[in-house]
Protein backbone atom coordinates (compact mmCIF):
# COMPACT_ATOMS: atom_id res chain seq x y z
CA MET A 1 -21.00 -9.14 12.71
CA PRO A 2 -18.40 -11.55 11.28
CA SER A 3 -15.72 -12.77 13.67
CA ARG A 4 -12.06 -12.27 12.85
CA MET A 5 -11.64 -15.99 12.18
CA SER A 6 -14.59 -16.05 9.80
CA VAL A 7 -13.18 -13.05 7.95
CA VAL A 8 -9.77 -14.70 7.62
CA ALA A 9 -11.37 -17.94 6.46
CA ARG A 10 -13.38 -16.09 3.83
CA ILE A 11 -10.26 -14.31 2.52
CA ILE A 12 -8.30 -17.54 2.31
CA GLY A 13 -11.20 -19.23 0.56
CA VAL A 14 -11.47 -16.48 -2.05
CA CYS A 15 -7.71 -16.56 -2.66
CA ALA A 16 -7.74 -20.34 -3.02
CA VAL A 17 -10.52 -20.19 -5.61
CA LEU A 18 -8.66 -17.52 -7.58
CA GLY A 19 -5.33 -19.30 -7.32
CA VAL A 20 -3.67 -16.51 -5.35
CA SER A 21 -0.33 -17.59 -3.95
CA PHE A 22 1.07 -16.52 -0.60
CA SER A 23 4.61 -17.57 -1.49
CA ALA A 24 7.40 -14.98 -1.39
CA HIS A 25 8.54 -13.19 -4.53
CA GLY A 26 12.06 -13.58 -5.82
CA ALA A 27 14.78 -11.43 -4.34
CA GLY A 28 15.19 -7.93 -5.73
CA ASP A 29 18.40 -5.97 -6.33
CA VAL A 30 18.35 -2.79 -4.22
CA GLU A 31 21.06 -0.97 -6.17
CA ARG A 32 19.48 -1.75 -9.53
CA GLY A 33 16.14 -0.69 -8.06
CA ARG A 34 17.64 2.64 -7.00
CA ARG A 35 18.77 3.28 -10.56
CA LEU A 36 15.45 2.25 -12.08
CA ALA A 37 13.43 4.33 -9.62
CA TYR A 38 14.81 7.71 -10.66
CA THR A 39 11.55 8.64 -12.43
CA CYS A 40 9.52 7.51 -9.41
CA LEU A 41 11.30 9.86 -7.03
CA GLY A 42 9.65 12.93 -8.53
CA CYS A 43 6.55 11.93 -6.57
CA HIS A 44 7.53 9.21 -4.10
CA GLY A 45 10.79 10.88 -3.07
CA ILE A 46 9.19 14.11 -1.82
CA ALA A 47 7.64 14.13 1.65
CA ASN A 48 3.94 15.12 1.63
CA TYR A 49 3.84 15.44 -2.17
CA LYS A 50 0.31 15.65 -3.57
CA ASN A 51 -1.25 14.00 -6.61
CA VAL A 52 -2.35 16.95 -8.75
CA TYR A 53 -5.90 15.96 -9.69
CA PRO A 54 -7.72 14.66 -7.83
CA THR A 55 -5.66 16.07 -4.97
CA TYR A 56 -4.46 13.61 -2.33
CA SER A 57 -1.12 12.64 -0.80
CA VAL A 58 1.17 10.32 -2.75
CA PRO A 59 1.62 7.17 -0.62
CA LYS A 60 4.63 6.55 1.59
CA LEU A 61 6.49 3.39 0.58
CA VAL A 62 9.39 3.01 3.02
CA GLY A 63 8.60 0.13 5.38
CA GLN A 64 5.99 -1.38 3.06
CA HIS A 65 6.08 -5.07 2.14
CA PRO A 66 8.02 -5.19 -1.16
CA GLU A 67 5.76 -8.03 -2.32
CA TYR A 68 2.80 -5.71 -2.01
CA ILE A 69 4.56 -2.96 -3.97
CA VAL A 70 5.18 -5.50 -6.75
CA ALA A 71 1.51 -6.51 -6.72
CA ALA A 72 0.46 -2.86 -6.92
CA LEU A 73 2.77 -2.18 -9.87
CA LYS A 74 1.37 -5.19 -11.71
CA GLU A 75 -2.17 -3.92 -11.11
CA TYR A 76 -1.27 -0.48 -12.44
CA LYS A 77 0.35 -2.11 -15.46
CA SER A 78 -2.76 -4.20 -16.20
CA GLN A 79 -5.03 -1.24 -15.33
CA GLU A 80 -6.74 -3.16 -12.55
CA ARG A 81 -5.92 0.06 -10.73
CA SER A 82 -6.99 3.20 -12.54
CA HIS A 83 -4.25 5.85 -12.57
CA GLY A 84 -2.86 7.20 -15.83
CA THR A 85 0.56 8.25 -14.56
CA MET A 86 1.18 5.02 -12.67
CA HIS A 87 0.09 2.95 -15.68
CA ALA A 88 2.53 4.86 -17.87
CA GLN A 89 5.31 4.20 -15.38
CA ALA A 90 4.51 0.52 -14.85
CA VAL A 91 3.67 -0.58 -18.38
CA SER A 92 7.32 -0.80 -19.49
CA LEU A 93 8.56 -2.59 -16.36
CA SER A 94 9.44 -6.27 -16.31
CA ASP A 95 8.68 -8.44 -13.29
CA GLN A 96 12.34 -8.20 -12.28
CA ASP A 97 12.28 -4.41 -12.63
CA MET A 98 9.32 -4.34 -10.25
CA GLU A 99 11.08 -6.60 -7.76
CA ASP A 100 14.14 -4.37 -7.77
CA ILE A 101 12.20 -1.11 -7.44
CA ALA A 102 10.08 -2.60 -4.65
CA VAL A 103 13.01 -3.64 -2.44
CA TYR A 104 14.65 -0.24 -2.98
CA PHE A 105 11.58 1.69 -1.87
CA ALA A 106 10.59 -0.68 0.93
CA GLY A 107 13.90 -0.60 2.78
CA THR A 108 13.44 -2.14 6.23
CA VAL A 109 9.91 -3.54 6.47
CA LEU A 110 7.79 -2.38 9.41
CA LYS A 111 7.37 -4.80 12.30
CA ALA A 112 4.44 -4.98 14.72
CA GLY A 113 4.91 -4.41 18.43
CA ALA A 114 4.37 -0.72 19.20
CA ALA A 115 1.59 0.41 21.53
CA LEU A 116 -1.65 1.38 19.82
CA GLN A 117 -2.45 5.05 19.38
CA GLY A 118 -6.09 5.64 20.22
CA THR A 119 -8.96 3.17 20.26
CA PRO A 120 -9.71 1.21 17.07
CA PRO A 121 -13.06 2.24 15.57
CA ALA A 122 -15.66 -0.53 15.48
CA LYS A 123 -15.28 -0.96 11.71
CA VAL A 124 -11.54 -1.49 12.10
CA THR A 125 -12.15 -4.26 14.64
CA GLU A 126 -14.90 -5.85 12.55
CA LEU A 127 -13.34 -5.66 9.10
CA CYS A 128 -9.74 -4.47 8.93
CA VAL A 129 -7.69 -6.20 11.62
CA ALA A 130 -7.83 -9.64 9.97
CA CYS A 131 -5.47 -8.40 7.24
CA HIS A 132 -3.99 -5.12 8.45
CA GLY A 133 -3.83 -5.68 12.21
CA LYS A 134 -4.85 -3.17 14.84
CA ASP A 135 -1.53 -1.38 14.40
CA GLY A 136 -1.68 -1.20 10.61
CA ILE A 137 1.02 -3.79 9.92
CA GLY A 138 -0.07 -6.20 7.20
CA ILE A 139 -0.25 -9.71 8.63
CA THR A 140 1.39 -11.23 5.54
CA ALA A 141 3.46 -9.75 2.73
CA GLU A 142 0.46 -9.68 0.39
CA TYR A 143 -1.45 -7.26 2.63
CA PRO A 144 -0.22 -3.67 2.75
CA SER A 145 0.95 -2.08 5.93
CA VAL A 146 -1.02 1.12 6.48
CA GLY A 147 0.36 2.35 9.80
CA GLY A 148 1.38 6.00 9.52
CA GLN A 149 0.19 6.22 5.90
CA HIS A 150 -1.36 9.53 4.80
CA ALA A 151 -4.98 9.59 5.96
CA ASP A 152 -6.22 11.24 2.76
CA TYR A 153 -4.51 8.57 0.66
CA LEU A 154 -6.14 5.80 2.71
CA GLU A 155 -9.53 7.46 2.29
CA ARG A 156 -8.99 7.74 -1.44
CA THR A 157 -7.99 4.08 -1.65
CA LEU A 158 -11.16 2.93 0.10
CA GLU A 159 -13.28 5.11 -2.18
CA GLU A 160 -11.60 3.63 -5.26
CA TYR A 161 -12.30 0.09 -4.11
CA LYS A 162 -15.94 0.99 -3.53
CA ARG A 163 -16.27 2.65 -6.96
CA GLY A 164 -14.49 -0.20 -8.72
CA ASP A 165 -11.50 1.89 -9.81
CA ARG A 166 -9.38 -0.75 -8.09
CA LYS A 167 -10.15 -4.37 -8.87
CA ASN A 168 -9.65 -6.79 -6.00
CA ALA A 169 -11.13 -10.13 -4.96
CA VAL A 170 -11.56 -9.14 -1.31
CA MET A 171 -11.76 -5.39 -0.72
CA PRO A 172 -15.07 -4.60 -2.51
CA THR A 173 -16.87 -6.93 -0.10
CA PHE A 174 -15.52 -5.05 2.89
CA VAL A 175 -16.10 -1.50 1.66
CA ALA A 176 -19.53 -2.05 0.10
CA THR A 177 -21.44 -1.17 3.27
CA LEU A 178 -19.06 1.53 4.52
CA SER A 179 -19.85 5.24 4.33
CA SER A 180 -17.54 8.18 3.67
CA ASP A 181 -17.57 8.83 7.41
CA ASP A 182 -16.42 5.23 8.02
CA PHE A 183 -13.60 5.71 5.51
CA LYS A 184 -12.47 8.84 7.33
CA LEU A 185 -12.49 7.19 10.77
CA ILE A 186 -10.58 4.14 9.53
CA ALA A 187 -8.04 6.27 7.67
CA GLU A 188 -7.41 8.66 10.56
CA TYR A 189 -7.00 5.80 13.03
CA TYR A 190 -4.42 3.95 10.94
CA ALA A 191 -2.60 7.15 9.97
CA GLN A 192 -1.67 7.80 13.61
CA GLN A 193 -0.26 4.34 14.31
CA SER A 194 3.42 3.48 14.81
CA PRO A 195 5.81 2.35 13.48
CA LYS A 196 5.05 4.59 10.53
CA LEU A 197 5.60 4.20 6.83
CA GLY A 198 8.01 6.78 5.45
CA THR A 199 9.22 8.55 2.32
CA VAL A 200 12.50 7.55 0.70
CA LYS A 201 15.18 10.21 0.90
CA ARG A 202 16.46 11.28 -2.45
CA ARG A 203 20.16 11.78 -3.02
CA VAL A 204 21.05 15.32 -3.98
CA TRP A 205 24.08 15.74 -6.21
CA TRP A 206 25.99 19.02 -6.22
CA PHE A 207 28.18 19.97 -9.14
CA SER A 208 30.73 22.75 -8.92
CA ALA A 209 31.11 25.13 -11.83
CA PRO A 210 34.22 24.48 -13.98
């Protein structure tokens, strides 16, 4: 089995070949992001909301690396990720729009340090910790934090990488040999970790009758 160092070295090598940068994105405007995100809140502002078909939980975004949210939006825009609704949302967004929306949703980014919940499955130790850590906190801003994420969403994500519905330089290599049972074990382990990703709270406005 590959060691953690060999996995990290392989990832860095792939990113270097593809010209992937690990530099930080420009600063986003939280208030502008709040205004732009009003259409996003119909799904991402409701706790435990489900994607209609196929049915799985819409991902939690609070605590996520904003840089990763930006990368995801760009992939939906370019259709490197296959999702009709997200493509329709992202296609009209500028890079600055994405930056602003990302910092609004992310809020305070999760930090590592909490005690592990349960024992990491072997596949987590072999394949996942190099980028996502044992506690599900992405080791750099380019890697998503997955601690406390919906288990069914994590399973769905792994399946999409394996099927090619999500294009990525690294993930297909890791999921190629994994089974549906492996996906379930990995997803359930990370879903129970703390600190947990969360759902942004929508503001509710009340208007009195004239």
